Amino acid sequence: MQIAVRQIAKQMGELHLIVIAPVDVMTKATERMSDSEWSRAVGYNLDAYFYAARAFAREAAGNVVVPRGRIVAVLPGVEV
C-alpha cells in the first residue's frame, strides 16, 4: 500500500485527501452469516482502512505546502 500511495504522490504531487472504500461485499444477511465469514469480512475491511490510512499519513506528513490531509472512510453496508 505504501508503494502505491508513494507512486500516486509522485505522479500527482502532494496528496491532501484519500478515500478508503473496501469492496468486500457481504453476500449474506447477518443472521445467515457464519462466524468465520464475519471474521474474514471484518478483517479484510479493517486491514484495508488501516494500511491505506497509515500509508497516506506517512506520505502527507512530508507535504511542504500543507503537512496534513483528510481521510474519508466509506463503511460497507450490512444487510439485516
N, C-alpha and C. Protein backbone atom coordinates (compact mmCIF):
# COMPACT_ATOMS: atom_id res chain seq x y z
N MET A 1 0.83 -1.19 0.00
CA MET A 1 0.00 0.00 0.00
C MET A 1 0.87 1.26 0.00
N GLN A 2 1.95 1.23 0.81
CA GLN A 2 2.82 2.40 0.89
C GLN A 2 3.43 2.73 -0.47
N ILE A 3 3.82 1.70 -1.21
CA ILE A 3 4.43 1.92 -2.53
C ILE A 3 3.41 2.54 -3.48
N ALA A 4 2.19 2.04 -3.46
CA ALA A 4 1.15 2.58 -4.34
C ALA A 4 0.87 4.05 -4.02
N VAL A 5 0.75 4.38 -2.76
CA VAL A 5 0.48 5.76 -2.36
C VAL A 5 1.64 6.67 -2.75
N ARG A 6 2.86 6.19 -2.56
CA ARG A 6 4.04 6.99 -2.92
C ARG A 6 4.09 7.23 -4.43
N GLN A 7 3.77 6.22 -5.23
CA GLN A 7 3.76 6.38 -6.68
C GLN A 7 2.70 7.39 -7.12
N ILE A 8 1.54 7.33 -6.49
CA ILE A 8 0.48 8.30 -6.82
C ILE A 8 0.94 9.71 -6.47
N ALA A 9 1.59 9.86 -5.32
CA ALA A 9 2.08 11.18 -4.91
C ALA A 9 3.13 11.71 -5.89
N LYS A 10 3.98 10.83 -6.40
CA LYS A 10 4.98 11.26 -7.37
C LYS A 10 4.33 11.74 -8.66
N GLN A 11 3.26 11.08 -9.07
CA GLN A 11 2.58 11.44 -10.31
C GLN A 11 1.70 12.67 -10.14
N MET A 12 1.06 12.80 -8.99
CA MET A 12 0.05 13.84 -8.79
C MET A 12 0.55 15.04 -7.99
N GLY A 13 1.64 14.89 -7.29
CA GLY A 13 2.10 15.94 -6.38
C GLY A 13 1.63 15.63 -4.96
N GLU A 14 1.65 16.62 -4.11
CA GLU A 14 1.26 16.40 -2.72
C GLU A 14 -0.16 15.86 -2.62
N LEU A 15 -0.32 14.90 -1.74
CA LEU A 15 -1.65 14.32 -1.50
C LEU A 15 -2.29 15.02 -0.30
N HIS A 16 -3.56 15.36 -0.45
CA HIS A 16 -4.27 16.03 0.64
C HIS A 16 -5.54 15.29 1.04
N LEU A 17 -5.90 14.24 0.28
CA LEU A 17 -7.15 13.52 0.54
C LEU A 17 -7.00 12.08 0.08
N ILE A 18 -7.54 11.18 0.88
CA ILE A 18 -7.66 9.78 0.46
C ILE A 18 -9.07 9.32 0.82
N VAL A 19 -9.67 8.57 -0.08
CA VAL A 19 -10.97 7.96 0.18
C VAL A 19 -10.74 6.46 0.22
N ILE A 20 -11.10 5.85 1.34
CA ILE A 20 -10.91 4.42 1.53
C ILE A 20 -12.28 3.76 1.48
N ALA A 21 -12.45 2.88 0.50
CA ALA A 21 -13.75 2.21 0.32
C ALA A 21 -13.53 0.76 -0.09
N PRO A 22 -13.24 -0.12 0.88
CA PRO A 22 -13.06 -1.53 0.55
C PRO A 22 -14.33 -2.11 -0.08
N VAL A 23 -14.16 -3.09 -0.93
CA VAL A 23 -15.31 -3.63 -1.65
C VAL A 23 -15.54 -5.11 -1.36
N ASP A 24 -15.25 -5.56 -0.16
CA ASP A 24 -15.56 -6.93 0.20
C ASP A 24 -17.04 -6.98 0.58
N VAL A 25 -17.87 -7.25 -0.40
CA VAL A 25 -19.32 -7.21 -0.20
C VAL A 25 -19.76 -8.46 0.56
N MET A 26 -20.54 -8.25 1.58
CA MET A 26 -21.12 -9.36 2.33
C MET A 26 -22.36 -9.83 1.58
N THR A 27 -22.32 -11.07 1.15
CA THR A 27 -23.38 -11.56 0.27
C THR A 27 -24.51 -12.25 1.01
N LYS A 28 -24.41 -12.34 2.31
CA LYS A 28 -25.46 -13.00 3.10
C LYS A 28 -26.03 -12.02 4.12
N ALA A 29 -27.27 -12.25 4.46
CA ALA A 29 -27.87 -11.49 5.56
C ALA A 29 -27.15 -11.87 6.85
N THR A 30 -27.10 -10.95 7.79
CA THR A 30 -26.32 -11.18 9.01
C THR A 30 -26.76 -12.43 9.78
N GLU A 31 -28.03 -12.73 9.78
CA GLU A 31 -28.48 -13.91 10.55
C GLU A 31 -28.05 -15.23 9.92
N ARG A 32 -27.64 -15.21 8.65
CA ARG A 32 -27.19 -16.43 7.98
C ARG A 32 -25.67 -16.49 7.83
N MET A 33 -24.98 -15.46 8.28
CA MET A 33 -23.53 -15.40 8.13
C MET A 33 -22.85 -16.18 9.25
N SER A 34 -21.87 -17.00 8.88
CA SER A 34 -21.13 -17.77 9.89
C SER A 34 -20.10 -16.86 10.57
N ASP A 35 -19.61 -17.32 11.70
CA ASP A 35 -18.59 -16.55 12.42
C ASP A 35 -17.34 -16.37 11.55
N SER A 36 -16.94 -17.39 10.83
CA SER A 36 -15.73 -17.29 10.01
C SER A 36 -15.93 -16.32 8.84
N GLU A 37 -17.13 -16.30 8.25
CA GLU A 37 -17.41 -15.34 7.18
C GLU A 37 -17.37 -13.91 7.72
N TRP A 38 -17.94 -13.71 8.88
CA TRP A 38 -17.93 -12.39 9.50
C TRP A 38 -16.50 -11.96 9.82
N SER A 39 -15.72 -12.85 10.40
CA SER A 39 -14.35 -12.55 10.77
C SER A 39 -13.51 -12.19 9.55
N ARG A 40 -13.70 -12.91 8.45
CA ARG A 40 -12.97 -12.62 7.22
C ARG A 40 -13.33 -11.24 6.69
N ALA A 41 -14.61 -10.93 6.66
CA ALA A 41 -15.07 -9.64 6.15
C ALA A 41 -14.57 -8.48 7.02
N VAL A 42 -14.65 -8.64 8.32
CA VAL A 42 -14.19 -7.59 9.23
C VAL A 42 -12.68 -7.41 9.10
N GLY A 43 -11.95 -8.51 9.07
CA GLY A 43 -10.50 -8.43 8.93
C GLY A 43 -10.09 -7.76 7.63
N TYR A 44 -10.73 -8.14 6.55
CA TYR A 44 -10.42 -7.55 5.24
C TYR A 44 -10.66 -6.05 5.26
N ASN A 45 -11.81 -5.65 5.73
CA ASN A 45 -12.16 -4.23 5.72
C ASN A 45 -11.29 -3.41 6.68
N LEU A 46 -11.07 -3.90 7.89
CA LEU A 46 -10.24 -3.15 8.84
C LEU A 46 -8.80 -3.06 8.36
N ASP A 47 -8.28 -4.13 7.79
CA ASP A 47 -6.92 -4.08 7.24
C ASP A 47 -6.83 -3.03 6.14
N ALA A 48 -7.81 -2.98 5.27
CA ALA A 48 -7.80 -2.01 4.17
C ALA A 48 -7.77 -0.59 4.72
N TYR A 49 -8.60 -0.30 5.71
CA TYR A 49 -8.62 1.04 6.31
C TYR A 49 -7.27 1.37 6.95
N PHE A 50 -6.77 0.44 7.74
CA PHE A 50 -5.53 0.69 8.48
C PHE A 50 -4.36 0.94 7.53
N TYR A 51 -4.13 0.02 6.60
CA TYR A 51 -2.95 0.14 5.73
C TYR A 51 -3.04 1.36 4.81
N ALA A 52 -4.21 1.65 4.30
CA ALA A 52 -4.37 2.83 3.44
C ALA A 52 -4.19 4.12 4.25
N ALA A 53 -4.78 4.19 5.43
CA ALA A 53 -4.66 5.39 6.27
C ALA A 53 -3.22 5.59 6.71
N ARG A 54 -2.54 4.52 7.08
CA ARG A 54 -1.15 4.64 7.52
C ARG A 54 -0.25 5.12 6.37
N ALA A 55 -0.44 4.54 5.19
CA ALA A 55 0.37 4.95 4.03
C ALA A 55 0.12 6.42 3.69
N PHE A 56 -1.13 6.82 3.72
CA PHE A 56 -1.47 8.21 3.43
C PHE A 56 -0.87 9.16 4.48
N ALA A 57 -1.00 8.81 5.75
CA ALA A 57 -0.49 9.67 6.82
C ALA A 57 1.02 9.85 6.68
N ARG A 58 1.74 8.80 6.35
CA ARG A 58 3.18 8.90 6.17
C ARG A 58 3.53 9.81 4.99
N GLU A 59 2.78 9.68 3.92
CA GLU A 59 3.04 10.49 2.74
C GLU A 59 2.65 11.95 2.98
N ALA A 60 1.50 12.19 3.59
CA ALA A 60 1.02 13.55 3.83
C ALA A 60 1.89 14.29 4.84
N ALA A 61 2.54 13.57 5.74
CA ALA A 61 3.42 14.21 6.72
C ALA A 61 4.60 14.90 6.05
N GLY A 62 4.94 14.47 4.85
CA GLY A 62 6.04 15.08 4.12
C GLY A 62 5.61 16.22 3.21
N ASN A 63 4.34 16.54 3.20
CA ASN A 63 3.86 17.65 2.37
C ASN A 63 4.54 18.95 2.78
N VAL A 64 4.90 19.75 1.80
CA VAL A 64 5.55 21.03 2.08
C VAL A 64 4.50 22.12 2.30
N VAL A 65 3.52 22.17 1.42
CA VAL A 65 2.51 23.24 1.49
C VAL A 65 1.59 23.05 2.69
N VAL A 66 0.97 21.90 2.80
CA VAL A 66 0.06 21.61 3.91
C VAL A 66 0.44 20.23 4.46
N PRO A 67 1.17 20.17 5.59
CA PRO A 67 1.66 18.88 6.10
C PRO A 67 0.59 18.08 6.85
N ARG A 68 -0.53 17.92 6.24
CA ARG A 68 -1.61 17.10 6.81
C ARG A 68 -2.59 16.80 5.68
N GLY A 69 -3.61 16.05 5.98
CA GLY A 69 -4.59 15.74 4.95
C GLY A 69 -5.88 15.24 5.56
N ARG A 70 -6.77 14.81 4.71
CA ARG A 70 -8.08 14.32 5.15
C ARG A 70 -8.24 12.87 4.70
N ILE A 71 -8.82 12.07 5.58
CA ILE A 71 -9.12 10.68 5.27
C ILE A 71 -10.63 10.53 5.31
N VAL A 72 -11.21 10.03 4.23
CA VAL A 72 -12.63 9.74 4.16
C VAL A 72 -12.77 8.23 4.09
N ALA A 73 -13.45 7.65 5.05
CA ALA A 73 -13.65 6.21 5.10
C ALA A 73 -15.11 5.88 4.82
N VAL A 74 -15.33 5.07 3.80
CA VAL A 74 -16.67 4.66 3.42
C VAL A 74 -16.91 3.28 4.02
N LEU A 75 -17.90 3.17 4.86
CA LEU A 75 -18.19 1.90 5.51
C LEU A 75 -19.12 1.04 4.65
N PRO A 76 -18.84 -0.25 4.58
CA PRO A 76 -19.72 -1.13 3.80
C PRO A 76 -21.05 -1.32 4.53
N GLY A 77 -22.09 -1.55 3.77
CA GLY A 77 -23.40 -1.80 4.36
C GLY A 77 -23.55 -3.24 4.79
N VAL A 78 -24.37 -3.46 5.77
CA VAL A 78 -24.68 -4.80 6.24
C VAL A 78 -26.17 -5.01 6.13
N GLU A 79 -26.56 -6.07 5.44
CA GLU A 79 -27.99 -6.37 5.28
C GLU A 79 -28.53 -6.98 6.57
N VAL A 80 -29.63 -6.46 7.05
CA VAL A 80 -30.26 -7.01 8.25
C VAL A 80 -31.66 -7.48 7.95
